[in-house]
């Protein structure tokens, strides 16, 4: 793990306020009521390209996030919780469930929620940009759960544990591709949930197509025929699927490459890389073509994007 916070070295009378401040910054604005005066907790983790991984342990407590909290902090991520130890009661929207070890929960921080952590618990959290996940599984504003007793969710959980344990040693150039793999695994896992929009035949095909494209974005030779073949469908069917989103294979490839380039340009850890290096690493082979498409997509040049993000 990377950055770590623990209440163990904090004076007992200051632990609750210290924890509340750290947890609010690590996750989102909320209200917090501990269920014991001898509260303890710890958070450790870090970022991996556009996503973040956090291991969190704490004593029984009650956490509420109101609509006002959501409006104030404007969090636009989805949060995936892998419960390792402890039981809690989670309420969001019209759904209520008991979360136990071995469960994976997909929650939407933009929605009010109420969680009673009934026991001391330990969880691994993955925070993913909403768009990055929604383009794979559809809308994420409905509470979803899966079990690590199933093969794909178990593989996703094991991979995240492996990556989280090596966060400090992952090379910058490998972080975005690894983050893509983490999100792809969870998309595949939740895509098998019969509550997910992508469980129709066309939905599964679209999901396979997008995963095939995202896995090959860095390849400058990625063409519609290659993407469709990797997804096991025809080019005509691939374009028909994306047409429902007012897109096509070529448009989707371009949009995803531009999004990945923008994420890299705005990443302080990649400030040593040139604009051309980033563009070429995501499949562009002509810098002037990249520059034109970037400006058309985002309304600013790549250099302006970097300056505004990095100050």
C-alpha atoms as a PDB file:
ATOM      1  CA  UNK A   1       0.000   0.000   0.000  1.00  0.00           C
ATOM      2  CA  UNK A   2       0.971   3.632  -0.359  1.00  0.00           C
ATOM      3  CA  UNK A   3      -0.403   6.444   1.815  1.00  0.00           C
ATOM      4  CA  UNK A   4      -1.663   5.056   5.137  1.00  0.00           C
ATOM      5  CA  UNK A   5      -3.650   6.670   7.944  1.00  0.00           C
ATOM      6  CA  UNK A   6      -4.318   5.056  11.311  1.00  0.00           C
ATOM      7  CA  UNK A   7      -5.916   6.197  14.550  1.00  0.00           C
ATOM      8  CA  UNK A   8      -3.565   4.018  16.617  1.00  0.00           C
ATOM      9  CA  UNK A   9      -1.060   6.810  17.197  1.00  0.00           C
ATOM     10  CA  UNK A  10      -3.702   9.492  17.798  1.00  0.00           C
ATOM     11  CA  UNK A  11      -4.814  10.535  21.259  1.00  0.00           C
ATOM     12  CA  UNK A  12      -8.043   8.722  22.083  1.00  0.00           C
ATOM     13  CA  UNK A  13     -10.039  11.957  22.536  1.00  0.00           C
ATOM     14  CA  UNK A  14      -9.012  13.108  19.024  1.00  0.00           C
ATOM     15  CA  UNK A  15      -9.527   9.826  17.168  1.00  0.00           C
ATOM     16  CA  UNK A  16     -13.096  10.348  16.032  1.00  0.00           C
ATOM     17  CA  UNK A  17     -12.540  13.835  14.568  1.00  0.00           C
ATOM     18  CA  UNK A  18      -9.271  12.676  12.981  1.00  0.00           C
ATOM     19  CA  UNK A  19     -10.943   9.661  11.402  1.00  0.00           C
ATOM     20  CA  UNK A  20     -13.900  11.666  10.136  1.00  0.00           C
ATOM     21  CA  UNK A  21     -11.577  14.155   8.415  1.00  0.00           C
ATOM     22  CA  UNK A  22      -9.458  11.427   6.795  1.00  0.00           C
ATOM     23  CA  UNK A  23     -12.435   9.313   5.692  1.00  0.00           C
ATOM     24  CA  UNK A  24     -14.222  12.325   4.185  1.00  0.00           C
ATOM     25  CA  UNK A  25     -11.183  13.160   2.077  1.00  0.00           C
ATOM     26  CA  UNK A  26     -10.576   9.543   1.058  1.00  0.00           C
ATOM     27  CA  UNK A  27     -14.195   8.790   0.088  1.00  0.00           C
ATOM     28  CA  UNK A  28     -16.826  11.559   0.146  1.00  0.00           C
ATOM     29  CA  UNK A  29     -18.717  13.999   2.370  1.00  0.00           C
ATOM     30  CA  UNK A  30     -20.878  12.241   4.950  1.00  0.00           C
ATOM     31  CA  UNK A  31     -22.024  12.202   8.549  1.00  0.00           C
ATOM     32  CA  UNK A  32     -20.461   9.709  10.901  1.00  0.00           C
ATOM     33  CA  UNK A  33     -21.562   8.274  14.267  1.00  0.00           C
ATOM     34  CA  UNK A  34     -19.209   5.811  16.019  1.00  0.00           C
ATOM     35  CA  UNK A  35     -20.742   2.983  18.025  1.00  0.00           C
ATOM     36  CA  UNK A  36     -17.882   2.830  20.531  1.00  0.00           C
ATOM     37  CA  UNK A  37     -15.832   5.414  22.426  1.00  0.00           C
ATOM     38  CA  UNK A  38     -12.707   3.378  21.719  1.00  0.00           C
ATOM     39  CA  UNK A  39     -13.009   3.802  17.998  1.00  0.00           C
ATOM     40  CA  UNK A  40     -10.099   2.791  15.769  1.00  0.00           C
ATOM     41  CA  UNK A  41      -9.607   2.704  12.026  1.00  0.00           C
ATOM     42  CA  UNK A  42      -7.037   2.713   9.244  1.00  0.00           C
ATOM     43  CA  UNK A  43      -6.980   3.550   5.531  1.00  0.00           C
ATOM     44  CA  UNK A  44      -4.245   2.735   3.060  1.00  0.00           C
ATOM     45  CA  UNK A  45      -4.023   2.770  -0.700  1.00  0.00           C
ATOM     46  CA  UNK A  46      -3.332   4.944  -3.672  1.00  0.00           C
ATOM     47  CA  UNK A  47      -4.190   5.669  -7.283  1.00  0.00           C
ATOM     48  CA  UNK A  48      -3.731   3.546 -10.374  1.00  0.00           C
ATOM     49  CA  UNK A  49      -4.143   5.767 -13.412  1.00  0.00           C
ATOM     50  CA  UNK A  50      -7.759   7.017 -13.363  1.00  0.00           C
ATOM     51  CA  UNK A  51      -8.915   4.699 -10.537  1.00  0.00           C
ATOM     52  CA  UNK A  52      -8.030   4.447  -6.862  1.00  0.00           C
ATOM     53  CA  UNK A  53      -7.695   1.435  -4.548  1.00  0.00           C
ATOM     54  CA  UNK A  54      -8.164   1.753  -0.790  1.00  0.00           C
ATOM     55  CA  UNK A  55      -8.024  -0.848   1.993  1.00  0.00           C
ATOM     56  CA  UNK A  56     -10.079   0.281   4.964  1.00  0.00           C
ATOM     57  CA  UNK A  57     -10.581  -1.152   8.469  1.00  0.00           C
ATOM     58  CA  UNK A  58     -12.675   0.419  11.229  1.00  0.00           C
ATOM     59  CA  UNK A  59     -14.838  -0.240  14.255  1.00  0.00           C
ATOM     60  CA  UNK A  60     -18.666  -0.363  14.205  1.00  0.00           C
ATOM     61  CA  UNK A  61     -20.251   2.936  13.185  1.00  0.00           C
ATOM     62  CA  UNK A  62     -23.073   4.533  11.235  1.00  0.00           C
ATOM     63  CA  UNK A  63     -22.438   6.442   7.990  1.00  0.00           C
ATOM     64  CA  UNK A  64     -24.981   8.592   6.177  1.00  0.00           C
ATOM     65  CA  UNK A  65     -24.595  10.460   2.911  1.00  0.00           C
ATOM     66  CA  UNK A  66     -27.360  12.915   2.122  1.00  0.00           C
ATOM     67  CA  UNK A  67     -28.369  14.448  -1.169  1.00  0.00           C
ATOM     68  CA  UNK A  68     -26.860  17.717   0.055  1.00  0.00           C
ATOM     69  CA  UNK A  69     -23.526  15.947   0.683  1.00  0.00           C
ATOM     70  CA  UNK A  70     -23.611  14.633  -2.891  1.00  0.00           C
ATOM     71  CA  UNK A  71     -24.392  18.060  -4.332  1.00  0.00           C
ATOM     72  CA  UNK A  72     -21.651  19.741  -2.325  1.00  0.00           C
ATOM     73  CA  UNK A  73     -18.730  17.485  -3.227  1.00  0.00           C
ATOM     74  CA  UNK A  74     -19.869  16.576  -6.764  1.00  0.00           C
ATOM     75  CA  UNK A  75     -18.263  13.118  -6.660  1.00  0.00           C
ATOM     76  CA  UNK A  76     -18.749  11.502 -10.075  1.00  0.00           C
ATOM     77  CA  UNK A  77     -17.245   8.088  -9.435  1.00  0.00           C
ATOM     78  CA  UNK A  78     -18.727   4.661  -8.876  1.00  0.00           C
ATOM     79  CA  UNK A  79     -17.433   2.750  -5.861  1.00  0.00           C
ATOM     80  CA  UNK A  80     -16.923  -1.001  -5.792  1.00  0.00           C
ATOM     81  CA  UNK A  81     -16.618  -2.470  -2.286  1.00  0.00           C
ATOM     82  CA  UNK A  82     -15.094  -5.915  -1.746  1.00  0.00           C
ATOM     83  CA  UNK A  83     -16.087  -6.930   1.783  1.00  0.00           C
ATOM     84  CA  UNK A  84     -13.406  -8.982   3.517  1.00  0.00           C
ATOM     85  CA  UNK A  85     -14.582  -9.048   7.134  1.00  0.00           C
ATOM     86  CA  UNK A  86     -17.604  -7.840   9.079  1.00  0.00           C
ATOM     87  CA  UNK A  87     -21.310  -7.379   8.436  1.00  0.00           C
ATOM     88  CA  UNK A  88     -23.161  -4.168   7.578  1.00  0.00           C
ATOM     89  CA  UNK A  89     -26.641  -3.013   6.567  1.00  0.00           C
ATOM     90  CA  UNK A  90     -26.631  -0.901   3.411  1.00  0.00           C
ATOM     91  CA  UNK A  91     -29.572   1.171   2.169  1.00  0.00           C
ATOM     92  CA  UNK A  92     -29.622   3.116  -1.105  1.00  0.00           C
ATOM     93  CA  UNK A  93     -32.737   4.161  -2.962  1.00  0.00           C
ATOM     94  CA  UNK A  94     -35.418   1.516  -2.509  1.00  0.00           C
ATOM     95  CA  UNK A  95     -32.917  -1.284  -1.920  1.00  0.00           C
ATOM     96  CA  UNK A  96     -31.668  -2.585   1.399  1.00  0.00           C
ATOM     97  CA  UNK A  97     -29.238  -5.428   1.906  1.00  0.00           C
ATOM     98  CA  UNK A  98     -26.964  -7.037   4.430  1.00  0.00           C
ATOM     99  CA  UNK A  99     -23.366  -6.987   3.224  1.00  0.00           C
ATOM    100  CA  UNK A 100     -21.253  -9.902   4.421  1.00  0.00           C
ATOM    101  CA  UNK A 101     -17.708 -11.136   3.741  1.00  0.00           C
ATOM    102  CA  UNK A 102     -17.354 -12.441   0.187  1.00  0.00           C
ATOM    103  CA  UNK A 103     -19.800  -9.933  -1.302  1.00  0.00           C
ATOM    104  CA  UNK A 104     -18.915  -7.226  -3.842  1.00  0.00           C
ATOM    105  CA  UNK A 105     -21.148  -4.154  -3.874  1.00  0.00           C
ATOM    106  CA  UNK A 106     -21.423  -1.531  -6.609  1.00  0.00           C
ATOM    107  CA  UNK A 107     -22.662   1.741  -5.127  1.00  0.00           C
ATOM    108  CA  UNK A 108     -23.357   5.190  -6.540  1.00  0.00           C
ATOM    109  CA  UNK A 109     -22.008   8.054  -4.351  1.00  0.00           C
ATOM    110  CA  UNK A 110     -24.207  10.506  -6.255  1.00  0.00           C
ATOM    111  CA  UNK A 111     -27.214   8.922  -4.502  1.00  0.00           C
ATOM    112  CA  UNK A 112     -28.060   9.271  -0.788  1.00  0.00           C
ATOM    113  CA  UNK A 113     -27.085   6.213   1.241  1.00  0.00           C
ATOM    114  CA  UNK A 114     -27.145   4.926   4.778  1.00  0.00           C
ATOM    115  CA  UNK A 115     -24.823   2.235   6.098  1.00  0.00           C
ATOM    116  CA  UNK A 116     -24.772   0.649   9.553  1.00  0.00           C
ATOM    117  CA  UNK A 117     -21.458  -1.134  10.043  1.00  0.00           C
ATOM    118  CA  UNK A 118     -22.686  -3.670  12.579  1.00  0.00           C
ATOM    119  CA  UNK A 119     -19.273  -5.214  13.272  1.00  0.00           C
ATOM    120  CA  UNK A 120     -15.627  -4.258  12.980  1.00  0.00           C
ATOM    121  CA  UNK A 121     -15.057  -4.573   9.266  1.00  0.00           C
ATOM    122  CA  UNK A 122     -12.339  -4.711   6.635  1.00  0.00           C
ATOM    123  CA  UNK A 123     -12.969  -3.874   2.971  1.00  0.00           C
ATOM    124  CA  UNK A 124     -11.125  -3.110  -0.235  1.00  0.00           C
ATOM    125  CA  UNK A 125     -12.624  -0.213  -2.204  1.00  0.00           C
ATOM    126  CA  UNK A 126     -12.167   0.569  -5.892  1.00  0.00           C
ATOM    127  CA  UNK A 127     -13.214   4.045  -7.025  1.00  0.00           C
ATOM    128  CA  UNK A 128     -13.834   4.256 -10.791  1.00  0.00           C
ATOM    129  CA  UNK A 129     -14.809   7.261 -12.954  1.00  0.00           C
ATOM    130  CA  UNK A 130     -18.492   6.873 -13.732  1.00  0.00           C
ATOM    131  CA  UNK A 131     -18.093   7.123 -17.510  1.00  0.00           C
ATOM    132  CA  UNK A 132     -15.345   4.510 -17.521  1.00  0.00           C
ATOM    133  CA  UNK A 133     -17.661   1.947 -15.927  1.00  0.00           C
ATOM    134  CA  UNK A 134     -20.952   2.994 -17.514  1.00  0.00           C
ATOM    135  CA  UNK A 135     -19.609   2.609 -21.035  1.00  0.00           C
ATOM    136  CA  UNK A 136     -19.053  -1.053 -20.175  1.00  0.00           C
ATOM    137  CA  UNK A 137     -22.125  -2.035 -18.135  1.00  0.00           C
ATOM    138  CA  UNK A 138     -24.647   0.761 -18.570  1.00  0.00           C
ATOM    139  CA  UNK A 139     -25.965   3.044 -15.826  1.00  0.00           C
ATOM    140  CA  UNK A 140     -24.596   2.506 -12.326  1.00  0.00           C
ATOM    141  CA  UNK A 141     -27.279   4.360 -10.359  1.00  0.00           C
ATOM    142  CA  UNK A 142     -28.829   1.110  -9.100  1.00  0.00           C
ATOM    143  CA  UNK A 143     -27.296  -0.789  -6.186  1.00  0.00           C
ATOM    144  CA  UNK A 144     -25.832  -4.114  -7.381  1.00  0.00           C
ATOM    145  CA  UNK A 145     -24.173  -7.028  -5.612  1.00  0.00           C
ATOM    146  CA  UNK A 146     -22.262 -10.113  -6.699  1.00  0.00           C
ATOM    147  CA  UNK A 147     -20.552 -12.909  -4.784  1.00  0.00           C
ATOM    148  CA  UNK A 148     -16.918 -14.013  -4.890  1.00  0.00           C
ATOM    149  CA  UNK A 149     -18.232 -17.568  -4.756  1.00  0.00           C
ATOM    150  CA  UNK A 150     -18.713 -17.087  -8.503  1.00  0.00           C
ATOM    151  CA  UNK A 151     -15.677 -17.512 -10.735  1.00  0.00           C
ATOM    152  CA  UNK A 152     -15.463 -14.127 -12.493  1.00  0.00           C
ATOM    153  CA  UNK A 153     -16.107 -12.005  -9.369  1.00  0.00           C
ATOM    154  CA  UNK A 154     -13.508 -14.110  -7.537  1.00  0.00           C
ATOM    155  CA  UNK A 155     -10.966 -13.472 -10.299  1.00  0.00           C
ATOM    156  CA  UNK A 156     -11.720  -9.738 -10.213  1.00  0.00           C
ATOM    157  CA  UNK A 157     -11.256  -9.665  -6.448  1.00  0.00           C
ATOM    158  CA  UNK A 158      -7.996 -11.630  -6.576  1.00  0.00           C
ATOM    159  CA  UNK A 159      -6.583  -9.393  -9.315  1.00  0.00           C
ATOM    160  CA  UNK A 160      -7.412  -6.229  -7.352  1.00  0.00           C
ATOM    161  CA  UNK A 161      -5.734  -7.660  -4.252  1.00  0.00           C
ATOM    162  CA  UNK A 162      -2.625  -8.422  -6.286  1.00  0.00           C
ATOM    163  CA  UNK A 163      -2.512  -4.962  -7.871  1.00  0.00           C
ATOM    164  CA  UNK A 164      -3.236  -3.168  -4.586  1.00  0.00           C
ATOM    165  CA  UNK A 165      -0.334  -4.945  -2.918  1.00  0.00           C
ATOM    166  CA  UNK A 166       2.063  -3.665  -5.584  1.00  0.00           C
ATOM    167  CA  UNK A 167       0.797  -0.104  -6.078  1.00  0.00           C
ATOM    168  CA  UNK A 168       4.082   1.437  -5.036  1.00  0.00           C
ATOM    169  CA  UNK A 169       6.124  -0.433  -7.628  1.00  0.00           C
ATOM    170  CA  UNK A 170       3.943  -0.150 -10.756  1.00  0.00           C
ATOM    171  CA  UNK A 171       5.603   1.867 -13.527  1.00  0.00           C
ATOM    172  CA  UNK A 172       3.670   4.998 -14.619  1.00  0.00           C
ATOM    173  CA  UNK A 173       3.335   3.766 -18.213  1.00  0.00           C
ATOM    174  CA  UNK A 174       1.680   0.551 -16.999  1.00  0.00           C
ATOM    175  CA  UNK A 175      -0.889   2.172 -14.718  1.00  0.00           C
ATOM    176  CA  UNK A 176      -3.554   3.114 -17.256  1.00  0.00           C
ATOM    177  CA  UNK A 177      -3.529  -0.315 -18.974  1.00  0.00           C
ATOM    178  CA  UNK A 178      -3.708  -2.068 -15.587  1.00  0.00           C
ATOM    179  CA  UNK A 179      -6.580   0.170 -14.517  1.00  0.00           C
ATOM    180  CA  UNK A 180      -8.390  -0.758 -17.736  1.00  0.00           C
ATOM    181  CA  UNK A 181      -7.948  -4.443 -16.884  1.00  0.00           C
ATOM    182  CA  UNK A 182      -9.308  -3.934 -13.359  1.00  0.00           C
ATOM    183  CA  UNK A 183     -12.410  -2.165 -14.688  1.00  0.00           C
ATOM    184  CA  UNK A 184     -12.851  -4.703 -17.496  1.00  0.00           C
ATOM    185  CA  UNK A 185     -12.857  -7.574 -14.982  1.00  0.00           C
ATOM    186  CA  UNK A 186     -15.481  -5.899 -12.822  1.00  0.00           C
ATOM    187  CA  UNK A 187     -17.519  -5.069 -15.920  1.00  0.00           C
ATOM    188  CA  UNK A 188     -17.432  -8.726 -16.890  1.00  0.00           C
ATOM    189  CA  UNK A 189     -18.372  -9.757 -13.350  1.00  0.00           C
ATOM    190  CA  UNK A 190     -21.287  -7.331 -13.025  1.00  0.00           C
ATOM    191  CA  UNK A 191     -22.265  -7.989 -16.639  1.00  0.00           C
ATOM    192  CA  UNK A 192     -23.162 -11.511 -15.539  1.00  0.00           C
ATOM    193  CA  UNK A 193     -25.502 -10.112 -12.870  1.00  0.00           C
ATOM    194  CA  UNK A 194     -29.057 -10.589 -14.107  1.00  0.00           C
ATOM    195  CA  UNK A 195     -29.949  -7.094 -12.923  1.00  0.00           C
ATOM    196  CA  UNK A 196     -27.444  -5.466 -15.261  1.00  0.00           C
ATOM    197  CA  UNK A 197     -28.709  -3.823 -18.466  1.00  0.00           C
ATOM    198  CA  UNK A 198     -26.080  -5.633 -20.476  1.00  0.00           C
ATOM    199  CA  UNK A 199     -27.548  -9.105 -19.942  1.00  0.00           C
ATOM    200  CA  UNK A 200     -29.491  -9.128 -23.210  1.00  0.00           C
ATOM    201  CA  UNK A 201     -27.872 -10.867 -26.175  1.00  0.00           C
ATOM    202  CA  UNK A 202     -27.141  -7.502 -27.803  1.00  0.00           C
ATOM    203  CA  UNK A 203     -25.940  -6.113 -24.496  1.00  0.00           C
ATOM    204  CA  UNK A 204     -23.449  -8.938 -24.027  1.00  0.00           C
ATOM    205  CA  UNK A 205     -22.210  -8.506 -27.581  1.00  0.00           C
ATOM    206  CA  UNK A 206     -21.768  -4.762 -27.076  1.00  0.00           C
ATOM    207  CA  UNK A 207     -19.891  -5.365 -23.834  1.00  0.00           C
ATOM    208  CA  UNK A 208     -17.553  -7.863 -25.543  1.00  0.00           C
ATOM    209  CA  UNK A 209     -16.972  -5.407 -28.369  1.00  0.00           C
ATOM    210  CA  UNK A 210     -16.080  -2.530 -26.046  1.00  0.00           C
ATOM    211  CA  UNK A 211     -13.787  -4.738 -23.959  1.00  0.00           C
ATOM    212  CA  UNK A 212     -12.052  -5.969 -27.110  1.00  0.00           C
ATOM    213  CA  UNK A 213     -11.534  -2.391 -28.290  1.00  0.00           C
ATOM    214  CA  UNK A 214     -10.309  -1.108 -24.929  1.00  0.00           C
ATOM    215  CA  UNK A 215      -7.811  -3.933 -24.663  1.00  0.00           C
ATOM    216  CA  UNK A 216      -6.298  -2.959 -28.048  1.00  0.00           C
ATOM    217  CA  UNK A 217      -6.429   0.844 -27.981  1.00  0.00           C
ATOM    218  CA  UNK A 218      -2.650   1.174 -28.008  1.00  0.00           C
ATOM    219  CA  UNK A 219      -2.430  -0.756 -31.292  1.00  0.00           C
ATOM    220  CA  UNK A 220      -2.223   1.746 -34.202  1.00  0.00           C
ATOM    221  CA  UNK A 221      -3.439  -1.012 -36.534  1.00  0.00           C
ATOM    222  CA  UNK A 222      -6.741  -1.441 -34.657  1.00  0.00           C
ATOM    223  CA  UNK A 223      -9.424  -1.419 -37.361  1.00  0.00           C
ATOM    224  CA  UNK A 224     -13.144  -2.238 -37.239  1.00  0.00           C
ATOM    225  CA  UNK A 225     -12.526  -5.706 -38.687  1.00  0.00           C
ATOM    226  CA  UNK A 226      -9.978  -6.548 -35.986  1.00  0.00           C
ATOM    227  CA  UNK A 227     -12.183  -5.221 -33.175  1.00  0.00           C
ATOM    228  CA  UNK A 228     -15.250  -7.092 -34.430  1.00  0.00           C
ATOM    229  CA  UNK A 229     -13.305 -10.321 -34.912  1.00  0.00           C
ATOM    230  CA  UNK A 230     -11.914 -10.096 -31.372  1.00  0.00           C
ATOM    231  CA  UNK A 231     -15.481  -9.772 -30.073  1.00  0.00           C
ATOM    232  CA  UNK A 232     -16.662 -12.672 -32.223  1.00  0.00           C
ATOM    233  CA  UNK A 233     -19.100 -10.629 -34.311  1.00  0.00           C
ATOM    234  CA  UNK A 234     -19.235  -9.092 -37.780  1.00  0.00           C
ATOM    235  CA  UNK A 235     -18.271  -5.496 -38.545  1.00  0.00           C
ATOM    236  CA  UNK A 236     -21.823  -4.783 -39.666  1.00  0.00           C
ATOM    237  CA  UNK A 237     -23.262  -6.075 -36.382  1.00  0.00           C
ATOM    238  CA  UNK A 238     -20.608  -4.185 -34.374  1.00  0.00           C
ATOM    239  CA  UNK A 239     -21.554  -0.916 -36.050  1.00  0.00           C
ATOM    240  CA  UNK A 240     -25.246  -1.666 -35.566  1.00  0.00           C
ATOM    241  CA  UNK A 241     -24.696  -2.162 -31.825  1.00  0.00           C
ATOM    242  CA  UNK A 242     -22.816   1.107 -31.467  1.00  0.00           C
ATOM    243  CA  UNK A 243     -25.344   2.920 -33.668  1.00  0.00           C
ATOM    244  CA  UNK A 244     -27.769   2.617 -30.734  1.00  0.00           C
ATOM    245  CA  UNK A 245     -25.385   4.973 -28.904  1.00  0.00           C
ATOM    246  CA  UNK A 246     -25.036   7.243 -31.964  1.00  0.00           C
ATOM    247  CA  UNK A 247     -21.558   5.870 -32.576  1.00  0.00           C
ATOM    248  CA  UNK A 248     -19.642   3.385 -34.716  1.00  0.00           C
ATOM    249  CA  UNK A 249     -16.533   1.260 -34.259  1.00  0.00           C
ATOM    250  CA  UNK A 250     -14.270   3.963 -35.720  1.00  0.00           C
ATOM    251  CA  UNK A 251     -15.909   6.717 -33.649  1.00  0.00           C
ATOM    252  CA  UNK A 252     -15.758   4.683 -30.451  1.00  0.00           C
ATOM    253  CA  UNK A 253     -12.075   3.833 -30.948  1.00  0.00           C
ATOM    254  CA  UNK A 254     -11.280   7.493 -31.550  1.00  0.00           C
ATOM    255  CA  UNK A 255     -13.302   8.685 -28.554  1.00  0.00           C
ATOM    256  CA  UNK A 256     -11.677   6.180 -26.186  1.00  0.00           C
ATOM    257  CA  UNK A 257      -8.165   7.014 -27.429  1.00  0.00           C
ATOM    258  CA  UNK A 258      -8.787  10.718 -26.930  1.00  0.00           C
ATOM    259  CA  UNK A 259     -10.191  10.118 -23.447  1.00  0.00           C
ATOM    260  CA  UNK A 260      -7.145   8.050 -22.484  1.00  0.00           C
ATOM    261  CA  UNK A 261      -4.819  10.726 -23.843  1.00  0.00           C
ATOM    262  CA  UNK A 262      -6.612  13.417 -21.857  1.00  0.00           C
ATOM    263  CA  UNK A 263      -6.392  11.350 -18.663  1.00  0.00           C
ATOM    264  CA  UNK A 264      -2.649  10.949 -19.214  1.00  0.00           C
ATOM    265  CA  UNK A 265      -2.162  14.654 -19.949  1.00  0.00           C
ATOM    266  CA  UNK A 266      -3.953  15.588 -16.722  1.00  0.00           C
ATOM    267  CA  UNK A 267      -2.025  13.058 -14.621  1.00  0.00           C
ATOM    268  CA  UNK A 268       0.744  14.780 -12.623  1.00  0.00           C
ATOM    269  CA  UNK A 269       2.714  11.527 -12.516  1.00  0.00           C
ATOM    270  CA  UNK A 270       2.986  11.589 -16.301  1.00  0.00           C
ATOM    271  CA  UNK A 271       4.061  15.228 -16.620  1.00  0.00           C
ATOM    272  CA  UNK A 272       7.500  14.041 -17.776  1.00  0.00           C
ATOM    273  CA  UNK A 273       5.973  12.539 -20.941  1.00  0.00           C
ATOM    274  CA  UNK A 274       5.616  14.679 -24.056  1.00  0.00           C
ATOM    275  CA  UNK A 275       2.284  15.197 -25.790  1.00  0.00           C
ATOM    276  CA  UNK A 276       3.495  13.222 -28.794  1.00  0.00           C
ATOM    277  CA  UNK A 277       4.690  10.350 -26.607  1.00  0.00           C
ATOM    278  CA  UNK A 278       1.279  10.093 -24.972  1.00  0.00           C
ATOM    279  CA  UNK A 279      -0.534  10.311 -28.306  1.00  0.00           C
ATOM    280  CA  UNK A 280       1.611   7.594 -29.888  1.00  0.00           C
ATOM    281  CA  UNK A 281       1.228   5.347 -26.820  1.00  0.00           C
ATOM    282  CA  UNK A 282      -2.551   5.331 -27.359  1.00  0.00           C
ATOM    283  CA  UNK A 283      -2.498   4.322 -30.999  1.00  0.00           C
ATOM    284  CA  UNK A 284      -2.149   7.631 -32.845  1.00  0.00           C
ATOM    285  CA  UNK A 285       0.483   7.553 -35.605  1.00  0.00           C
ATOM    286  CA  UNK A 286       0.165  11.155 -36.831  1.00  0.00           C
ATOM    287  CA  UNK A 287       0.607  14.026 -34.362  1.00  0.00           C
ATOM    288  CA  UNK A 288      -1.179  16.633 -36.485  1.00  0.00           C
ATOM    289  CA  UNK A 289      -4.162  14.296 -36.865  1.00  0.00           C
ATOM    290  CA  UNK A 290      -4.194  13.742 -33.094  1.00  0.00           C
ATOM    291  CA  UNK A 291      -4.048  17.495 -32.443  1.00  0.00           C
ATOM    292  CA  UNK A 292      -7.000  18.201 -34.750  1.00  0.00           C
ATOM    293  CA  UNK A 293      -9.135  15.445 -33.263  1.00  0.00           C
ATOM    294  CA  UNK A 294      -8.262  16.391 -29.677  1.00  0.00           C
ATOM    295  CA  UNK A 295      -9.292  20.010 -30.214  1.00  0.00           C
ATOM    296  CA  UNK A 296     -12.475  18.999 -31.999  1.00  0.00           C
ATOM    297  CA  UNK A 297     -13.402  16.654 -29.118  1.00  0.00           C
ATOM    298  CA  UNK A 298     -12.545  18.846 -26.133  1.00  0.00           C
ATOM    299  CA  UNK A 299     -12.465  22.400 -27.488  1.00  0.00           C
ATOM    300  CA  UNK A 300      -8.876  23.021 -26.376  1.00  0.00           C
ATOM    301  CA  UNK A 301      -5.461  21.870 -27.572  1.00  0.00           C
ATOM    302  CA  UNK A 302      -3.602  19.048 -25.867  1.00  0.00           C
ATOM    303  CA  UNK A 303      -1.004  21.512 -24.592  1.00  0.00           C
ATOM    304  CA  UNK A 304      -3.695  23.768 -23.141  1.00  0.00           C
ATOM    305  CA  UNK A 305      -5.288  20.753 -21.469  1.00  0.00           C
ATOM    306  CA  UNK A 306      -1.998  19.884 -19.797  1.00  0.00           C
ATOM    307  CA  UNK A 307      -1.297  23.457 -18.672  1.00  0.00           C
ATOM    308  CA  UNK A 308      -4.764  23.881 -17.161  1.00  0.00           C
ATOM    309  CA  UNK A 309      -4.600  20.539 -15.351  1.00  0.00           C
ATOM    310  CA  UNK A 310      -1.072  20.870 -14.008  1.00  0.00           C
ATOM    311  CA  UNK A 311      -1.142  24.576 -13.326  1.00  0.00           C
END
